Amino acid sequence: MRREAQGDWILGTIFVAAIASLPLWNLLARRWDKRIAFIVGVSFWTAVQLAIVTLGPSTPLWLLIVLCVLAGIGVGAAHVLPWSILPDAIEYNEYTTGVRQEGTFYSVVTLAQKVASSVAIPLCLLLLQAAGYRPNLPEQPFAASLAIRLLMGVLPGLLLGLATLCAARYPVTREEFTRINEELVKKRQAARELPS
């Protein structure tokens, strides 16, 4: 994009929009269903992200900022909704196994995030190096430019698409969660009433 001078503004726009969108995703998760809100939000982000990587240096800054705001709205969904679904998964697991394992769930999710970051960042750098990327060059070789577009749009789009497929298969709807929660409350009350 050759917009290094505006890089902080562009990235800041995405994150400010993501933060501002959190109440929206909270509202939609309550109104629809967490799973449906996640699918809509991540699909929206994927579409915007794929649109952004088709842009070039001649794109007006205002259009880039508008797309970054839209991307930020999708980023907000991807950051808040999985964490709101996780407690439901813990309840579902307790319902199906009889064991409550919050620590295990949060540990696995945190570990997965750290492993993904520790693998993805060096892998991206290696791919850019293999494609001939050279820092501080105003014009990158075609292979490097293509690699940037693939790493910033196509690959995340595929991974986000996979996330939406997983969310579509997620078995705990709002109605199912309400039923499970009621059953768990009954089980816990019955366990408390048992003589020691």
Foldseek 3Di string as FASTA:
>chain_A
DLPPVCVVVLLVLLQVLLVVLLVVLVVVCVVFNLLVSLLVLLLQLLVLQLVLLVDDPVDDPVVSSVSSSSNSNSVNSVPPSVVVCQVLVQLVCCLVPVDRDPVVSVVVVVVVVVVCVVPVPVVLVVCLVVQQDDPPDSDGPPSNSVSVSCSRHVVVSVVSVVVSVVSVVDDDTVVNSVVSVVVVVVVVVVVVPDDD
